Amino acid sequence: MEPGFWSLTLYDSANNYTVPNAINRYALGSDDKTLKLNPEGSLTIYLQKDSPGPAKEANWLPAPAGQYYLLLRAYAPGEALLRSRTEPDGLPLPPIDIVQ
């Protein structure tokens, strides 16, 4: 079976619903044809209330001013992701950089 796809959805912690926003975007995923990869192939996703600017908006998942949580779904994941559940040398979690 070929690896499927992934989806990252942002939910409001206060009510467990997606967050209403001006661009009607509630998730990003591997099926999004507008996502822009970095030159080396990595992906930067912007989780913030205000737009990161036109050049980065394709990778922007609007967030509320308050608390929220993320749900990463992997549909028909590849072998590396499956191994990461039981083996320490499996696929590592991506870094998260908090910018103030």
C-alpha atoms as a PDB file:
ATOM      1  CA  MET A   1       0.000   0.000   0.000  1.00  0.00           C
ATOM      2  CA  GLU A   2       1.327   3.410  -0.944  1.00  0.00           C
ATOM      3  CA  PRO A   3       1.490   6.045   1.801  1.00  0.00           C
ATOM      4  CA  GLY A   4      -1.710   8.077   1.909  1.00  0.00           C
ATOM      5  CA  PHE A   5      -1.821  11.660   3.057  1.00  0.00           C
ATOM      6  CA  TRP A   6      -1.585  13.809   6.165  1.00  0.00           C
ATOM      7  CA  SER A   7      -3.755  16.592   7.527  1.00  0.00           C
ATOM      8  CA  LEU A   8      -3.093  19.144  10.285  1.00  0.00           C
ATOM      9  CA  THR A   9      -6.253  20.683  11.766  1.00  0.00           C
ATOM     10  CA  LEU A  10      -6.402  23.492  14.332  1.00  0.00           C
ATOM     11  CA  TYR A  11      -9.139  23.531  17.005  1.00  0.00           C
ATOM     12  CA  ASP A  12     -10.160  26.169  19.545  1.00  0.00           C
ATOM     13  CA  SER A  13      -9.471  24.826  23.059  1.00  0.00           C
ATOM     14  CA  ALA A  14     -12.489  26.669  24.484  1.00  0.00           C
ATOM     15  CA  ASN A  15     -15.097  24.837  22.402  1.00  0.00           C
ATOM     16  CA  ASN A  16     -13.300  22.085  20.425  1.00  0.00           C
ATOM     17  CA  TYR A  17     -14.447  23.558  17.097  1.00  0.00           C
ATOM     18  CA  THR A  18     -12.375  24.789  14.201  1.00  0.00           C
ATOM     19  CA  VAL A  19     -11.587  28.493  14.362  1.00  0.00           C
ATOM     20  CA  PRO A  20     -13.625  30.830  12.118  1.00  0.00           C
ATOM     21  CA  ASN A  21     -11.263  32.949  10.026  1.00  0.00           C
ATOM     22  CA  ALA A  22     -11.256  35.336   7.067  1.00  0.00           C
ATOM     23  CA  ILE A  23      -9.753  32.826   4.612  1.00  0.00           C
ATOM     24  CA  ASN A  24     -11.969  29.879   5.645  1.00  0.00           C
ATOM     25  CA  ARG A  25      -8.965  27.621   6.221  1.00  0.00           C
ATOM     26  CA  TYR A  26      -9.248  25.049   8.988  1.00  0.00           C
ATOM     27  CA  ALA A  27      -6.560  22.540   8.028  1.00  0.00           C
ATOM     28  CA  LEU A  28      -3.456  22.096   5.902  1.00  0.00           C
ATOM     29  CA  GLY A  29      -2.318  18.832   4.408  1.00  0.00           C
ATOM     30  CA  SER A  30      -0.302  16.963   1.847  1.00  0.00           C
ATOM     31  CA  ASP A  31      -3.160  17.277  -0.666  1.00  0.00           C
ATOM     32  CA  ASP A  32      -2.925  21.096  -0.607  1.00  0.00           C
ATOM     33  CA  LYS A  33      -1.382  21.966  -3.963  1.00  0.00           C
ATOM     34  CA  THR A  34      -0.569  25.540  -2.876  1.00  0.00           C
ATOM     35  CA  LEU A  35       1.764  24.603   0.030  1.00  0.00           C
ATOM     36  CA  LYS A  36       5.250  25.983  -0.557  1.00  0.00           C
ATOM     37  CA  LEU A  37       8.200  23.773   0.385  1.00  0.00           C
ATOM     38  CA  ASN A  38      11.490  25.258   1.540  1.00  0.00           C
ATOM     39  CA  PRO A  39      14.434  24.929  -0.894  1.00  0.00           C
ATOM     40  CA  GLU A  40      15.765  21.794   0.864  1.00  0.00           C
ATOM     41  CA  GLY A  41      12.323  20.134   0.819  1.00  0.00           C
ATOM     42  CA  SER A  42      11.180  20.849   4.378  1.00  0.00           C
ATOM     43  CA  LEU A  43       7.875  22.535   5.141  1.00  0.00           C
ATOM     44  CA  THR A  44       7.245  25.547   7.387  1.00  0.00           C
ATOM     45  CA  ILE A  45       3.684  25.985   8.657  1.00  0.00           C
ATOM     46  CA  TYR A  46       2.651  29.299  10.205  1.00  0.00           C
ATOM     47  CA  LEU A  47       0.213  29.011  13.126  1.00  0.00           C
ATOM     48  CA  GLN A  48      -0.750  32.538  14.078  1.00  0.00           C
ATOM     49  CA  LYS A  49      -3.659  34.964  14.316  1.00  0.00           C
ATOM     50  CA  ASP A  50      -2.494  37.445  11.674  1.00  0.00           C
ATOM     51  CA  SER A  51      -1.308  36.701   8.164  1.00  0.00           C
ATOM     52  CA  PRO A  52       2.450  36.071   7.892  1.00  0.00           C
ATOM     53  CA  GLY A  53       2.373  38.066   4.635  1.00  0.00           C
ATOM     54  CA  PRO A  54       1.473  37.256   1.028  1.00  0.00           C
ATOM     55  CA  ALA A  55       4.625  35.210   0.340  1.00  0.00           C
ATOM     56  CA  LYS A  56       3.930  32.865   3.294  1.00  0.00           C
ATOM     57  CA  GLU A  57       0.130  32.834   3.343  1.00  0.00           C
ATOM     58  CA  ALA A  58      -0.133  29.514   1.454  1.00  0.00           C
ATOM     59  CA  ASN A  59       1.388  27.827   4.540  1.00  0.00           C
ATOM     60  CA  TRP A  60      -0.677  29.777   7.090  1.00  0.00           C
ATOM     61  CA  LEU A  61      -3.173  28.067   9.365  1.00  0.00           C
ATOM     62  CA  PRO A  62      -5.049  30.892  11.146  1.00  0.00           C
ATOM     63  CA  ALA A  63      -5.085  30.529  14.931  1.00  0.00           C
ATOM     64  CA  PRO A  64      -7.140  32.301  17.600  1.00  0.00           C
ATOM     65  CA  ALA A  65      -5.619  34.776  20.037  1.00  0.00           C
ATOM     66  CA  GLY A  66      -6.311  32.296  22.849  1.00  0.00           C
ATOM     67  CA  GLN A  67      -5.470  28.650  23.348  1.00  0.00           C
ATOM     68  CA  TYR A  68      -5.822  26.048  20.629  1.00  0.00           C
ATOM     69  CA  TYR A  69      -4.698  22.526  19.873  1.00  0.00           C
ATOM     70  CA  LEU A  70      -3.560  20.705  16.757  1.00  0.00           C
ATOM     71  CA  LEU A  71      -4.549  17.309  15.450  1.00  0.00           C
ATOM     72  CA  LEU A  72      -2.228  15.608  12.962  1.00  0.00           C
ATOM     73  CA  ARG A  73      -3.867  12.800  11.047  1.00  0.00           C
ATOM     74  CA  ALA A  74      -1.838  10.376   8.950  1.00  0.00           C
ATOM     75  CA  TYR A  75      -3.921   8.287   6.559  1.00  0.00           C
ATOM     76  CA  ALA A  76      -2.214   5.070   5.384  1.00  0.00           C
ATOM     77  CA  PRO A  77       1.114   6.233   6.867  1.00  0.00           C
ATOM     78  CA  GLY A  78       4.449   5.045   5.538  1.00  0.00           C
ATOM     79  CA  GLU A  79       6.748   2.602   7.299  1.00  0.00           C
ATOM     80  CA  ALA A  80       8.884   5.294   8.994  1.00  0.00           C
ATOM     81  CA  LEU A  81       5.876   6.855  10.703  1.00  0.00           C
ATOM     82  CA  LEU A  82       4.594   3.478  11.861  1.00  0.00           C
ATOM     83  CA  ARG A  83       8.027   2.600  13.291  1.00  0.00           C
ATOM     84  CA  SER A  84       8.164   5.905  15.190  1.00  0.00           C
ATOM     85  CA  ARG A  85       5.431   4.621  17.512  1.00  0.00           C
ATOM     86  CA  THR A  86       7.585   1.760  18.822  1.00  0.00           C
ATOM     87  CA  GLU A  87      11.196   2.423  17.838  1.00  0.00           C
ATOM     88  CA  PRO A  88      13.313   5.346  19.042  1.00  0.00           C
ATOM     89  CA  ASP A  89      15.060   5.596  15.642  1.00  0.00           C
ATOM     90  CA  GLY A  90      11.761   5.985  13.782  1.00  0.00           C
ATOM     91  CA  LEU A  91      10.546   9.230  12.291  1.00  0.00           C
ATOM     92  CA  PRO A  92      11.250  12.100  14.738  1.00  0.00           C
ATOM     93  CA  LEU A  93       8.678  14.783  15.450  1.00  0.00           C
ATOM     94  CA  PRO A  94       9.340  18.056  13.628  1.00  0.00           C
ATOM     95  CA  PRO A  95      10.781  20.995  15.554  1.00  0.00           C
ATOM     96  CA  ILE A  96       8.401  23.701  16.740  1.00  0.00           C
ATOM     97  CA  ASP A  97       9.783  27.225  16.972  1.00  0.00           C
ATOM     98  CA  ILE A  98       7.812  29.707  19.072  1.00  0.00           C
ATOM     99  CA  VAL A  99       8.220  33.236  17.788  1.00  0.00           C
ATOM    100  CA  GLN A 100       7.071  36.107  20.003  1.00  0.00           C
END
